[in-house]
Amino acid sequence: MSTEAVHYDVHDAKIHLSRIIERVERGEEIIIDRAGTPVAKVVPLGRGANRTAIGSLAGQLDIPSDWDSPQTTSQVLAGVRNGGTIEITDRGHPIARLVPVSDDRSMLAELVEAGRVVAPTGGGPVPLPPKLGDENVDVAASLAAMRNEERS
């Protein structure tokens, strides 16, 4: 098979259409010229897989046996970590995308910088405020205790 496409003029293409189709079926590309100027290209059509039945792709796919191994997953995640994006599809339709998380700055850091919040100074869990409407809890005393704890 040559690397350069074969040319036919329109008249010869009409006469030898079946021959042109045979060549195209073998993978060749044919150019049709009108008065020496290329006007059309005849190329092989990509054949789609018949995916209507279970096993219709049997023997046509090469899926490595370790496709779901931790090492393969690590390689995929390393690609994302390095800036790559992985698109996940379901029957050819995109359903999710793995993208790198921007770690430039956290939302908290942005809010602190803007002066809208104060960064936490202590460690540990944040106590929940008293439940409103609970008659057994002195809300004012609970809030005063929380403030005193913050100040110390």
C-alpha atoms as a PDB file:
ATOM      1  CA  MET A   1       0.000   0.000   0.000  1.00  0.00           C
ATOM      2  CA  SER A   2       1.541   3.296  -1.023  1.00  0.00           C
ATOM      3  CA  THR A   3       1.586   6.316   1.247  1.00  0.00           C
ATOM      4  CA  GLU A   4       0.291   8.636  -1.491  1.00  0.00           C
ATOM      5  CA  ALA A   5      -3.373   8.441  -2.446  1.00  0.00           C
ATOM      6  CA  VAL A   6      -4.301   7.285  -5.947  1.00  0.00           C
ATOM      7  CA  HIS A   7      -6.053   9.879  -8.154  1.00  0.00           C
ATOM      8  CA  TYR A   8      -8.931   9.244 -10.577  1.00  0.00           C
ATOM      9  CA  ASP A   9     -10.603  11.852 -12.733  1.00  0.00           C
ATOM     10  CA  VAL A  10     -14.391  12.059 -12.489  1.00  0.00           C
ATOM     11  CA  HIS A  11     -14.964  10.150 -15.771  1.00  0.00           C
ATOM     12  CA  ASP A  12     -12.660   7.260 -14.729  1.00  0.00           C
ATOM     13  CA  ALA A  13     -14.178   7.213 -11.234  1.00  0.00           C
ATOM     14  CA  LYS A  14     -17.620   6.648 -12.754  1.00  0.00           C
ATOM     15  CA  ILE A  15     -16.349   3.833 -14.943  1.00  0.00           C
ATOM     16  CA  HIS A  16     -14.235   2.141 -12.246  1.00  0.00           C
ATOM     17  CA  LEU A  17     -16.366   2.732  -9.136  1.00  0.00           C
ATOM     18  CA  SER A  18     -16.367  -0.931  -8.096  1.00  0.00           C
ATOM     19  CA  ARG A  19     -12.544  -1.042  -8.403  1.00  0.00           C
ATOM     20  CA  ILE A  20     -12.264   2.146  -6.302  1.00  0.00           C
ATOM     21  CA  ILE A  21     -14.503   0.647  -3.626  1.00  0.00           C
ATOM     22  CA  GLU A  22     -12.399  -2.548  -3.518  1.00  0.00           C
ATOM     23  CA  ARG A  23      -9.238  -0.480  -2.992  1.00  0.00           C
ATOM     24  CA  VAL A  24     -10.892   1.592  -0.272  1.00  0.00           C
ATOM     25  CA  GLU A  25     -12.067  -1.589   1.470  1.00  0.00           C
ATOM     26  CA  ARG A  26      -8.405  -2.638   1.609  1.00  0.00           C
ATOM     27  CA  GLY A  27      -7.638   0.606   3.428  1.00  0.00           C
ATOM     28  CA  GLU A  28      -6.520   2.874   0.572  1.00  0.00           C
ATOM     29  CA  GLU A  29      -7.617   6.466   0.135  1.00  0.00           C
ATOM     30  CA  ILE A  30      -8.680   7.571  -3.355  1.00  0.00           C
ATOM     31  CA  ILE A  31      -8.751  11.182  -4.583  1.00  0.00           C
ATOM     32  CA  ILE A  32     -11.190  12.169  -7.324  1.00  0.00           C
ATOM     33  CA  ASP A  33     -10.121  15.091  -9.508  1.00  0.00           C
ATOM     34  CA  ARG A  34     -12.101  17.376 -11.803  1.00  0.00           C
ATOM     35  CA  ALA A  35      -9.915  18.987 -14.492  1.00  0.00           C
ATOM     36  CA  GLY A  36      -6.795  18.085 -12.499  1.00  0.00           C
ATOM     37  CA  THR A  37      -8.048  19.632  -9.228  1.00  0.00           C
ATOM     38  CA  PRO A  38      -8.865  17.328  -6.282  1.00  0.00           C
ATOM     39  CA  VAL A  39     -12.547  17.632  -5.392  1.00  0.00           C
ATOM     40  CA  ALA A  40     -13.290  14.543  -3.281  1.00  0.00           C
ATOM     41  CA  LYS A  41     -11.585  11.921  -1.168  1.00  0.00           C
ATOM     42  CA  VAL A  42     -12.915   8.379  -0.773  1.00  0.00           C
ATOM     43  CA  VAL A  43     -11.786   6.870   2.530  1.00  0.00           C
ATOM     44  CA  PRO A  44     -12.617   3.682   4.405  1.00  0.00           C
ATOM     45  CA  LEU A  45     -15.419   3.989   6.930  1.00  0.00           C
ATOM     46  CA  GLY A  46     -14.553   3.035  10.483  1.00  0.00           C
ATOM     47  CA  ARG A  47     -16.599   0.016  11.384  1.00  0.00           C
ATOM     48  CA  GLY A  48     -18.409   0.295  14.698  1.00  0.00           C
ATOM     49  CA  ALA A  49     -18.531  -2.648  17.034  1.00  0.00           C
ATOM     50  CA  ASN A  50     -21.804  -4.527  17.344  1.00  0.00           C
ATOM     51  CA  ARG A  51     -22.451  -4.097  21.050  1.00  0.00           C
ATOM     52  CA  THR A  52     -25.998  -5.336  21.096  1.00  0.00           C
ATOM     53  CA  ALA A  53     -25.238  -8.733  22.587  1.00  0.00           C
ATOM     54  CA  ILE A  54     -23.275  -9.900  25.604  1.00  0.00           C
ATOM     55  CA  GLY A  55     -19.836 -10.979  24.485  1.00  0.00           C
ATOM     56  CA  SER A  56     -19.974  -9.074  21.202  1.00  0.00           C
ATOM     57  CA  LEU A  57     -16.487  -7.671  21.906  1.00  0.00           C
ATOM     58  CA  ALA A  58     -15.017 -11.017  22.977  1.00  0.00           C
ATOM     59  CA  GLY A  59     -11.442 -11.316  21.768  1.00  0.00           C
ATOM     60  CA  GLN A  60     -11.365  -7.693  20.588  1.00  0.00           C
ATOM     61  CA  LEU A  61     -10.400  -5.994  23.837  1.00  0.00           C
ATOM     62  CA  ASP A  62      -7.141  -6.344  25.690  1.00  0.00           C
ATOM     63  CA  ILE A  63      -7.880  -5.623  29.341  1.00  0.00           C
ATOM     64  CA  PRO A  64      -4.901  -6.249  31.605  1.00  0.00           C
ATOM     65  CA  SER A  65      -5.545  -8.633  34.467  1.00  0.00           C
ATOM     66  CA  ASP A  66      -4.450  -5.969  36.967  1.00  0.00           C
ATOM     67  CA  TRP A  67      -6.803  -3.257  35.676  1.00  0.00           C
ATOM     68  CA  ASP A  68      -8.316  -2.828  39.145  1.00  0.00           C
ATOM     69  CA  SER A  69      -5.192  -3.405  41.209  1.00  0.00           C
ATOM     70  CA  PRO A  70      -4.003  -0.876  43.809  1.00  0.00           C
ATOM     71  CA  GLN A  71      -0.928  -0.207  41.643  1.00  0.00           C
ATOM     72  CA  THR A  72      -3.037   0.705  38.606  1.00  0.00           C
ATOM     73  CA  THR A  73      -5.278   2.888  40.748  1.00  0.00           C
ATOM     74  CA  SER A  74      -2.168   4.566  42.164  1.00  0.00           C
ATOM     75  CA  GLN A  75      -0.897   5.278  38.655  1.00  0.00           C
ATOM     76  CA  VAL A  76      -4.223   6.830  37.646  1.00  0.00           C
ATOM     77  CA  LEU A  77      -4.319   8.957  40.794  1.00  0.00           C
ATOM     78  CA  ALA A  78      -0.696  10.007  40.273  1.00  0.00           C
ATOM     79  CA  GLY A  79      -1.660  11.246  36.817  1.00  0.00           C
ATOM     80  CA  VAL A  80      -4.465  13.322  38.327  1.00  0.00           C
ATOM     81  CA  ARG A  81      -2.147  14.584  41.059  1.00  0.00           C
ATOM     82  CA  ASN A  82       0.230  15.778  38.340  1.00  0.00           C
ATOM     83  CA  GLY A  83      -2.490  17.839  36.684  1.00  0.00           C
ATOM     84  CA  GLY A  84      -4.219  15.252  34.495  1.00  0.00           C
ATOM     85  CA  THR A  85      -7.954  14.764  34.205  1.00  0.00           C
ATOM     86  CA  ILE A  86      -9.720  11.398  33.974  1.00  0.00           C
ATOM     87  CA  GLU A  87     -13.214  11.226  32.485  1.00  0.00           C
ATOM     88  CA  ILE A  88     -15.416   8.381  33.645  1.00  0.00           C
ATOM     89  CA  THR A  89     -18.092   7.219  31.239  1.00  0.00           C
ATOM     90  CA  ASP A  90     -21.077   4.909  31.350  1.00  0.00           C
ATOM     91  CA  ARG A  91     -21.850   3.429  27.956  1.00  0.00           C
ATOM     92  CA  GLY A  92     -19.962   6.234  26.275  1.00  0.00           C
ATOM     93  CA  HIS A  93     -21.644   9.043  28.196  1.00  0.00           C
ATOM     94  CA  PRO A  94     -19.515  11.077  30.630  1.00  0.00           C
ATOM     95  CA  ILE A  95     -20.793  10.730  34.188  1.00  0.00           C
ATOM     96  CA  ALA A  96     -17.874  11.977  36.289  1.00  0.00           C
ATOM     97  CA  ARG A  97     -14.490  13.590  36.032  1.00  0.00           C
ATOM     98  CA  LEU A  98     -11.453  13.149  38.288  1.00  0.00           C
ATOM     99  CA  VAL A  99      -9.628  16.456  38.453  1.00  0.00           C
ATOM    100  CA  PRO A 100      -6.779  17.700  40.634  1.00  0.00           C
ATOM    101  CA  VAL A 101      -7.831  19.487  43.788  1.00  0.00           C
ATOM    102  CA  SER A 102      -6.547  23.032  43.874  1.00  0.00           C
ATOM    103  CA  ASP A 103      -4.469  23.351  47.014  1.00  0.00           C
ATOM    104  CA  ASP A 104      -3.512  26.979  46.444  1.00  0.00           C
ATOM    105  CA  ARG A 105      -5.352  28.158  49.516  1.00  0.00           C
ATOM    106  CA  SER A 106      -8.165  26.829  51.618  1.00  0.00           C
ATOM    107  CA  MET A 107     -11.460  28.633  51.951  1.00  0.00           C
ATOM    108  CA  LEU A 108     -10.659  29.277  55.621  1.00  0.00           C
ATOM    109  CA  ALA A 109      -7.352  30.941  54.677  1.00  0.00           C
ATOM    110  CA  GLU A 110      -9.173  33.190  52.218  1.00  0.00           C
ATOM    111  CA  LEU A 111     -11.787  34.166  54.815  1.00  0.00           C
ATOM    112  CA  VAL A 112      -9.133  34.888  57.463  1.00  0.00           C
ATOM    113  CA  GLU A 113      -7.177  37.024  54.991  1.00  0.00           C
ATOM    114  CA  ALA A 114     -10.323  38.960  54.106  1.00  0.00           C
ATOM    115  CA  GLY A 115     -10.941  39.606  57.823  1.00  0.00           C
ATOM    116  CA  ARG A 116     -14.288  37.849  57.759  1.00  0.00           C
ATOM    117  CA  VAL A 117     -13.347  35.137  60.300  1.00  0.00           C
ATOM    118  CA  VAL A 118     -10.741  34.571  62.970  1.00  0.00           C
ATOM    119  CA  ALA A 119      -8.511  31.551  62.623  1.00  0.00           C
ATOM    120  CA  PRO A 120      -8.957  28.923  65.338  1.00  0.00           C
ATOM    121  CA  THR A 121      -6.356  29.082  68.096  1.00  0.00           C
ATOM    122  CA  GLY A 122      -7.004  25.887  69.990  1.00  0.00           C
ATOM    123  CA  GLY A 123      -7.141  22.279  68.954  1.00  0.00           C
ATOM    124  CA  GLY A 124      -9.801  19.697  69.464  1.00  0.00           C
ATOM    125  CA  PRO A 125     -13.478  19.585  68.708  1.00  0.00           C
ATOM    126  CA  VAL A 126     -15.624  22.685  68.769  1.00  0.00           C
ATOM    127  CA  PRO A 127     -18.295  22.429  71.467  1.00  0.00           C
ATOM    128  CA  LEU A 128     -21.864  22.517  70.265  1.00  0.00           C
ATOM    129  CA  PRO A 129     -23.978  25.437  71.458  1.00  0.00           C
ATOM    130  CA  PRO A 130     -26.696  24.667  73.953  1.00  0.00           C
ATOM    131  CA  LYS A 131     -29.990  23.529  72.530  1.00  0.00           C
ATOM    132  CA  LEU A 132     -32.436  26.388  72.345  1.00  0.00           C
ATOM    133  CA  GLY A 133     -35.655  25.879  74.225  1.00  0.00           C
ATOM    134  CA  ASP A 134     -34.177  23.321  76.654  1.00  0.00           C
ATOM    135  CA  GLU A 135     -35.384  24.522  80.086  1.00  0.00           C
ATOM    136  CA  ASN A 136     -32.697  22.496  81.888  1.00  0.00           C
ATOM    137  CA  VAL A 137     -29.874  24.519  80.269  1.00  0.00           C
ATOM    138  CA  ASP A 138     -28.921  28.040  81.323  1.00  0.00           C
ATOM    139  CA  VAL A 139     -28.007  29.418  77.881  1.00  0.00           C
ATOM    140  CA  ALA A 140     -26.399  32.592  79.259  1.00  0.00           C
ATOM    141  CA  ALA A 141     -24.220  30.614  81.654  1.00  0.00           C
ATOM    142  CA  SER A 142     -23.208  28.172  78.901  1.00  0.00           C
ATOM    143  CA  LEU A 143     -22.222  31.012  76.576  1.00  0.00           C
ATOM    144  CA  ALA A 144     -20.288  32.779  79.356  1.00  0.00           C
ATOM    145  CA  ALA A 145     -18.404  29.539  80.088  1.00  0.00           C
ATOM    146  CA  MET A 146     -17.543  29.082  76.423  1.00  0.00           C
ATOM    147  CA  ARG A 147     -16.254  32.663  76.185  1.00  0.00           C
ATOM    148  CA  ASN A 148     -14.149  32.272  79.296  1.00  0.00           C
ATOM    149  CA  GLU A 149     -12.693  29.061  77.893  1.00  0.00           C
ATOM    150  CA  GLU A 150     -11.791  30.866  74.642  1.00  0.00           C
ATOM    151  CA  ARG A 151     -10.056  33.669  76.538  1.00  0.00           C
ATOM    152  CA  SER A 152      -7.895  31.393  78.650  1.00  0.00           C
END
